[in-house]
Structure formats: C-alpha cells, structure tokens
C-alpha cells in the first residue's frame, strides 16, 4: 500500500514482542551516509523505536557505509555473523537525471532479497527510493512519518517470527 495512505511511524505496540523478549535481542543497522540529512533521521527513528520497545541500547549496533549500493555488503556481513536477531538496511536514493537511480535501486533491492533468501537472519529493507528530496523528507520524519520507525517495527516482528 502506498505510504501516502499511511503514516510510516504508526504501529500498534501491542502487536510487538514483549519487552522481556526484546531485552536480550540484538539488532544491527547498516546506514548509508549518502543523503545523510535523510538517512540519519531514519536511523534516529529506528533506534528510538527499538529502545522504546525494550531493546537495550548496547544491543543495537550501527555500521555506516558510503552509499546505498554498499548496504548489501554490510547487511550480508552482519546477517552472516550470527550476532544479530535482525538487520535493518537504511538508505535513500533520490532520482536524478541519469539512469543511475534505476541501477542502484535494482541492485540494492535484489541484494537484500538475496540475503533474505539465503540466510537465517532477516534483513529489513528501509531504503527510500523517491523522485525528489521532498518525498524523502516526508518519509524521514515529515508528514508521512518515518520509515526508520517502520523498519524497526518490522525487524522486531521478524526477529520473533519463529
């Protein structure tokens, strides 16, 4: 469903695993430094949501990568390490005047999908792919909420799925 119809920060806390279950779980976050004014807001939303839900701050590890393309490598290394119950990949790709946008979006999407198909640790896709900067701002704490919050909620649910 389109994020225009939903606030990305809305969730029912009663649908999350208990704080007791989350207290001992570990979450990895790979965040792209490209478009950092956007991605760091997404990171903030994810970390705050994890902590608010009961995840201990010391059980959240953040790794910075240069751009969205590098998220796949970092997410794969974290997922394969068996150190985390779930991994969140945070990035932002804004369409420009060249096909670079299409190549990066496709590569990151396929890369994260491949990790999820091959691994046992869920990797959550919290990568904004927008036509312009305003759309990204709207989804990074703006009028549509924060996709980082959505990523954290998804990570907690997936880490406790089985």
C-alpha atoms as a PDB file:
ATOM      1  CA  UNK A   1       0.000   0.000   0.000  1.00  0.00           C
ATOM      2  CA  UNK A   2       1.287   3.473  -0.814  1.00  0.00           C
ATOM      3  CA  UNK A   3       2.938   5.364   2.023  1.00  0.00           C
ATOM      4  CA  UNK A   4       0.827   8.365   1.017  1.00  0.00           C
ATOM      5  CA  UNK A   5      -2.095   6.478   2.542  1.00  0.00           C
ATOM      6  CA  UNK A   6      -0.259   5.501   5.751  1.00  0.00           C
ATOM      7  CA  UNK A   7       1.875   7.153   8.371  1.00  0.00           C
ATOM      8  CA  UNK A   8       5.134   5.196   8.411  1.00  0.00           C
ATOM      9  CA  UNK A   9       5.501   5.841  12.154  1.00  0.00           C
ATOM     10  CA  UNK A  10       2.141   4.336  13.116  1.00  0.00           C
ATOM     11  CA  UNK A  11       2.095   0.920  14.736  1.00  0.00           C
ATOM     12  CA  UNK A  12       0.269  -0.942  17.445  1.00  0.00           C
ATOM     13  CA  UNK A  13       2.746  -1.576  20.272  1.00  0.00           C
ATOM     14  CA  UNK A  14       0.564  -4.460  21.476  1.00  0.00           C
ATOM     15  CA  UNK A  15       1.434  -6.349  18.276  1.00  0.00           C
ATOM     16  CA  UNK A  16       5.152  -6.255  19.083  1.00  0.00           C
ATOM     17  CA  UNK A  17       7.015  -8.925  21.027  1.00  0.00           C
ATOM     18  CA  UNK A  18       7.157  -8.271  24.762  1.00  0.00           C
ATOM     19  CA  UNK A  19       9.853  -6.019  26.192  1.00  0.00           C
ATOM     20  CA  UNK A  20      11.149  -9.065  28.081  1.00  0.00           C
ATOM     21  CA  UNK A  21      11.634 -10.910  24.787  1.00  0.00           C
ATOM     22  CA  UNK A  22      13.293  -7.889  23.162  1.00  0.00           C
ATOM     23  CA  UNK A  23      15.610  -7.017  26.047  1.00  0.00           C
ATOM     24  CA  UNK A  24      18.154  -9.703  25.153  1.00  0.00           C
ATOM     25  CA  UNK A  25      17.882  -9.452  21.376  1.00  0.00           C
ATOM     26  CA  UNK A  26      20.496  -7.768  19.198  1.00  0.00           C
ATOM     27  CA  UNK A  27      19.788  -5.629  16.148  1.00  0.00           C
ATOM     28  CA  UNK A  28      22.238  -4.467  13.514  1.00  0.00           C
ATOM     29  CA  UNK A  29      21.677  -1.389  11.414  1.00  0.00           C
ATOM     30  CA  UNK A  30      23.546  -0.583   8.200  1.00  0.00           C
ATOM     31  CA  UNK A  31      23.028   3.068   7.296  1.00  0.00           C
ATOM     32  CA  UNK A  32      24.124   4.884   4.176  1.00  0.00           C
ATOM     33  CA  UNK A  33      25.966   8.177   4.693  1.00  0.00           C
ATOM     34  CA  UNK A  34      24.798   9.395   1.259  1.00  0.00           C
ATOM     35  CA  UNK A  35      21.842  11.771   1.751  1.00  0.00           C
ATOM     36  CA  UNK A  36      22.731  11.796   5.458  1.00  0.00           C
ATOM     37  CA  UNK A  37      20.209  14.534   6.224  1.00  0.00           C
ATOM     38  CA  UNK A  38      17.588  11.916   5.362  1.00  0.00           C
ATOM     39  CA  UNK A  39      19.246   8.658   6.406  1.00  0.00           C
ATOM     40  CA  UNK A  40      20.321   9.880   9.834  1.00  0.00           C
ATOM     41  CA  UNK A  41      16.699  10.828  10.595  1.00  0.00           C
ATOM     42  CA  UNK A  42      15.645   7.323   9.539  1.00  0.00           C
ATOM     43  CA  UNK A  43      18.376   5.911  11.797  1.00  0.00           C
ATOM     44  CA  UNK A  44      17.193   8.045  14.694  1.00  0.00           C
ATOM     45  CA  UNK A  45      13.622   6.799  14.231  1.00  0.00           C
ATOM     46  CA  UNK A  46      14.759   3.162  14.137  1.00  0.00           C
ATOM     47  CA  UNK A  47      16.982   3.387  17.208  1.00  0.00           C
ATOM     48  CA  UNK A  48      14.405   5.286  19.259  1.00  0.00           C
ATOM     49  CA  UNK A  49      11.708   2.750  18.361  1.00  0.00           C
ATOM     50  CA  UNK A  50      13.892  -0.235  19.242  1.00  0.00           C
ATOM     51  CA  UNK A  51      14.837   1.281  22.602  1.00  0.00           C
ATOM     52  CA  UNK A  52      11.288   2.398  23.381  1.00  0.00           C
ATOM     53  CA  UNK A  53      10.125  -1.170  22.752  1.00  0.00           C
ATOM     54  CA  UNK A  54      12.605  -2.681  25.219  1.00  0.00           C
ATOM     55  CA  UNK A  55      15.772  -3.346  23.217  1.00  0.00           C
ATOM     56  CA  UNK A  56      18.817  -2.473  25.305  1.00  0.00           C
ATOM     57  CA  UNK A  57      20.921   0.344  23.767  1.00  0.00           C
ATOM     58  CA  UNK A  58      24.055  -1.824  23.960  1.00  0.00           C
ATOM     59  CA  UNK A  59      22.255  -4.416  21.804  1.00  0.00           C
ATOM     60  CA  UNK A  60      21.952  -2.059  18.837  1.00  0.00           C
ATOM     61  CA  UNK A  61      24.993  -1.823  16.573  1.00  0.00           C
ATOM     62  CA  UNK A  62      25.160   0.748  13.794  1.00  0.00           C
ATOM     63  CA  UNK A  63      27.501   0.458  10.818  1.00  0.00           C
ATOM     64  CA  UNK A  64      27.947   3.337   8.384  1.00  0.00           C
ATOM     65  CA  UNK A  65      28.542   2.735   4.684  1.00  0.00           C
ATOM     66  CA  UNK A  66      29.233   5.338   1.978  1.00  0.00           C
ATOM     67  CA  UNK A  67      26.101   4.832  -0.126  1.00  0.00           C
ATOM     68  CA  UNK A  68      23.029   2.706  -0.721  1.00  0.00           C
ATOM     69  CA  UNK A  69      24.901   0.301  -3.005  1.00  0.00           C
ATOM     70  CA  UNK A  70      27.179  -0.710  -0.114  1.00  0.00           C
ATOM     71  CA  UNK A  71      24.240  -1.593   2.148  1.00  0.00           C
ATOM     72  CA  UNK A  72      24.066  -5.075   0.648  1.00  0.00           C
ATOM     73  CA  UNK A  73      27.655  -5.900   1.607  1.00  0.00           C
ATOM     74  CA  UNK A  74      27.259  -4.613   5.163  1.00  0.00           C
ATOM     75  CA  UNK A  75      23.892  -6.324   5.619  1.00  0.00           C
ATOM     76  CA  UNK A  76      25.300  -9.631   4.333  1.00  0.00           C
ATOM     77  CA  UNK A  77      28.268  -9.478   6.719  1.00  0.00           C
ATOM     78  CA  UNK A  78      26.009  -8.657   9.671  1.00  0.00           C
ATOM     79  CA  UNK A  79      23.443 -11.315   8.799  1.00  0.00           C
ATOM     80  CA  UNK A  80      26.141 -13.972   8.317  1.00  0.00           C
ATOM     81  CA  UNK A  81      27.832 -13.101  11.624  1.00  0.00           C
ATOM     82  CA  UNK A  82      25.095 -14.738  13.726  1.00  0.00           C
ATOM     83  CA  UNK A  83      25.422 -11.764  16.089  1.00  0.00           C
ATOM     84  CA  UNK A  84      22.021 -10.250  15.324  1.00  0.00           C
ATOM     85  CA  UNK A  85      18.392 -11.306  15.531  1.00  0.00           C
ATOM     86  CA  UNK A  86      17.606  -8.951  12.630  1.00  0.00           C
ATOM     87  CA  UNK A  87      19.375  -6.369  10.476  1.00  0.00           C
ATOM     88  CA  UNK A  88      17.919  -3.112   9.155  1.00  0.00           C
ATOM     89  CA  UNK A  89      19.307  -1.590   5.943  1.00  0.00           C
ATOM     90  CA  UNK A  90      18.704   2.175   5.867  1.00  0.00           C
ATOM     91  CA  UNK A  91      19.332   4.301   2.802  1.00  0.00           C
ATOM     92  CA  UNK A  92      17.912   6.907   0.475  1.00  0.00           C
ATOM     93  CA  UNK A  93      18.158   7.091  -3.298  1.00  0.00           C
ATOM     94  CA  UNK A  94      16.686  10.177  -4.964  1.00  0.00           C
ATOM     95  CA  UNK A  95      16.042  10.118  -8.707  1.00  0.00           C
ATOM     96  CA  UNK A  96      18.294  12.326 -10.754  1.00  0.00           C
ATOM     97  CA  UNK A  97      18.782  12.995 -14.443  1.00  0.00           C
ATOM     98  CA  UNK A  98      20.586   9.742 -15.247  1.00  0.00           C
ATOM     99  CA  UNK A  99      19.671   6.035 -15.077  1.00  0.00           C
ATOM    100  CA  UNK A 100      21.978   5.655 -12.045  1.00  0.00           C
ATOM    101  CA  UNK A 101      18.875   5.746  -9.821  1.00  0.00           C
ATOM    102  CA  UNK A 102      17.418   2.692 -11.557  1.00  0.00           C
ATOM    103  CA  UNK A 103      20.638   0.689 -11.322  1.00  0.00           C
ATOM    104  CA  UNK A 104      21.203   1.444  -7.638  1.00  0.00           C
ATOM    105  CA  UNK A 105      17.589   0.787  -6.634  1.00  0.00           C
ATOM    106  CA  UNK A 106      17.535  -2.502  -8.522  1.00  0.00           C
ATOM    107  CA  UNK A 107      20.905  -3.633  -7.144  1.00  0.00           C
ATOM    108  CA  UNK A 108      20.031  -2.869  -3.528  1.00  0.00           C
ATOM    109  CA  UNK A 109      16.581  -4.433  -3.797  1.00  0.00           C
ATOM    110  CA  UNK A 110      17.953  -7.607  -5.379  1.00  0.00           C
ATOM    111  CA  UNK A 111      20.854  -7.713  -2.935  1.00  0.00           C
ATOM    112  CA  UNK A 112      18.652  -7.510   0.160  1.00  0.00           C
ATOM    113  CA  UNK A 113      16.239 -10.030  -1.351  1.00  0.00           C
ATOM    114  CA  UNK A 114      19.119 -12.434  -1.991  1.00  0.00           C
ATOM    115  CA  UNK A 115      20.334 -12.165   1.608  1.00  0.00           C
ATOM    116  CA  UNK A 116      16.837 -12.939   2.863  1.00  0.00           C
ATOM    117  CA  UNK A 117      16.506 -15.915   0.529  1.00  0.00           C
ATOM    118  CA  UNK A 118      19.868 -17.396   1.504  1.00  0.00           C
ATOM    119  CA  UNK A 119      20.131 -16.608   5.195  1.00  0.00           C
ATOM    120  CA  UNK A 120      18.542 -17.178   8.554  1.00  0.00           C
ATOM    121  CA  UNK A 121      18.754 -13.591   9.828  1.00  0.00           C
ATOM    122  CA  UNK A 122      16.049 -11.304   8.439  1.00  0.00           C
ATOM    123  CA  UNK A 123      17.264  -8.149   6.706  1.00  0.00           C
ATOM    124  CA  UNK A 124      14.745  -5.315   6.595  1.00  0.00           C
ATOM    125  CA  UNK A 125      14.587  -3.005   3.569  1.00  0.00           C
ATOM    126  CA  UNK A 126      14.326   0.559   4.889  1.00  0.00           C
ATOM    127  CA  UNK A 127      15.617   2.255   1.768  1.00  0.00           C
ATOM    128  CA  UNK A 128      13.734   5.238   0.441  1.00  0.00           C
ATOM    129  CA  UNK A 129      13.548   5.419  -3.353  1.00  0.00           C
ATOM    130  CA  UNK A 130      11.966   8.736  -4.202  1.00  0.00           C
ATOM    131  CA  UNK A 131      11.530  11.029  -7.169  1.00  0.00           C
ATOM    132  CA  UNK A 132      12.665  14.119  -5.267  1.00  0.00           C
ATOM    133  CA  UNK A 133      14.095  15.289  -1.969  1.00  0.00           C
ATOM    134  CA  UNK A 134      10.738  16.457  -0.610  1.00  0.00           C
ATOM    135  CA  UNK A 135       9.320  12.956  -0.923  1.00  0.00           C
ATOM    136  CA  UNK A 136      12.296  11.677   1.066  1.00  0.00           C
ATOM    137  CA  UNK A 137      11.878  14.357   3.758  1.00  0.00           C
ATOM    138  CA  UNK A 138       8.184  13.484   4.016  1.00  0.00           C
ATOM    139  CA  UNK A 139       9.198   9.875   4.806  1.00  0.00           C
ATOM    140  CA  UNK A 140      12.068  10.715   7.180  1.00  0.00           C
ATOM    141  CA  UNK A 141      10.040  12.276   9.962  1.00  0.00           C
ATOM    142  CA  UNK A 142       7.917  14.556   7.819  1.00  0.00           C
ATOM    143  CA  UNK A 143       4.218  14.476   7.072  1.00  0.00           C
ATOM    144  CA  UNK A 144       4.232  10.752   6.213  1.00  0.00           C
ATOM    145  CA  UNK A 145       6.137   9.643   9.299  1.00  0.00           C
ATOM    146  CA  UNK A 146       9.488   7.910   9.478  1.00  0.00           C
ATOM    147  CA  UNK A 147      10.372   4.769   7.522  1.00  0.00           C
ATOM    148  CA  UNK A 148      13.089   4.077  10.114  1.00  0.00           C
ATOM    149  CA  UNK A 149      10.328   3.503  12.668  1.00  0.00           C
ATOM    150  CA  UNK A 150       8.614   1.132  10.246  1.00  0.00           C
ATOM    151  CA  UNK A 151      11.903  -0.713   9.718  1.00  0.00           C
ATOM    152  CA  UNK A 152      12.444  -1.166  13.451  1.00  0.00           C
ATOM    153  CA  UNK A 153       8.913  -2.476  13.968  1.00  0.00           C
ATOM    154  CA  UNK A 154       9.359  -4.907  11.083  1.00  0.00           C
ATOM    155  CA  UNK A 155      12.742  -6.043  12.437  1.00  0.00           C
ATOM    156  CA  UNK A 156      11.287  -6.793  15.882  1.00  0.00           C
ATOM    157  CA  UNK A 157       8.405  -8.744  14.383  1.00  0.00           C
ATOM    158  CA  UNK A 158      10.621 -10.725  12.008  1.00  0.00           C
ATOM    159  CA  UNK A 159      13.212 -11.489  14.696  1.00  0.00           C
ATOM    160  CA  UNK A 160      10.432 -13.123  16.709  1.00  0.00           C
ATOM    161  CA  UNK A 161       8.547 -14.774  13.857  1.00  0.00           C
ATOM    162  CA  UNK A 162       9.719 -18.332  14.578  1.00  0.00           C
END
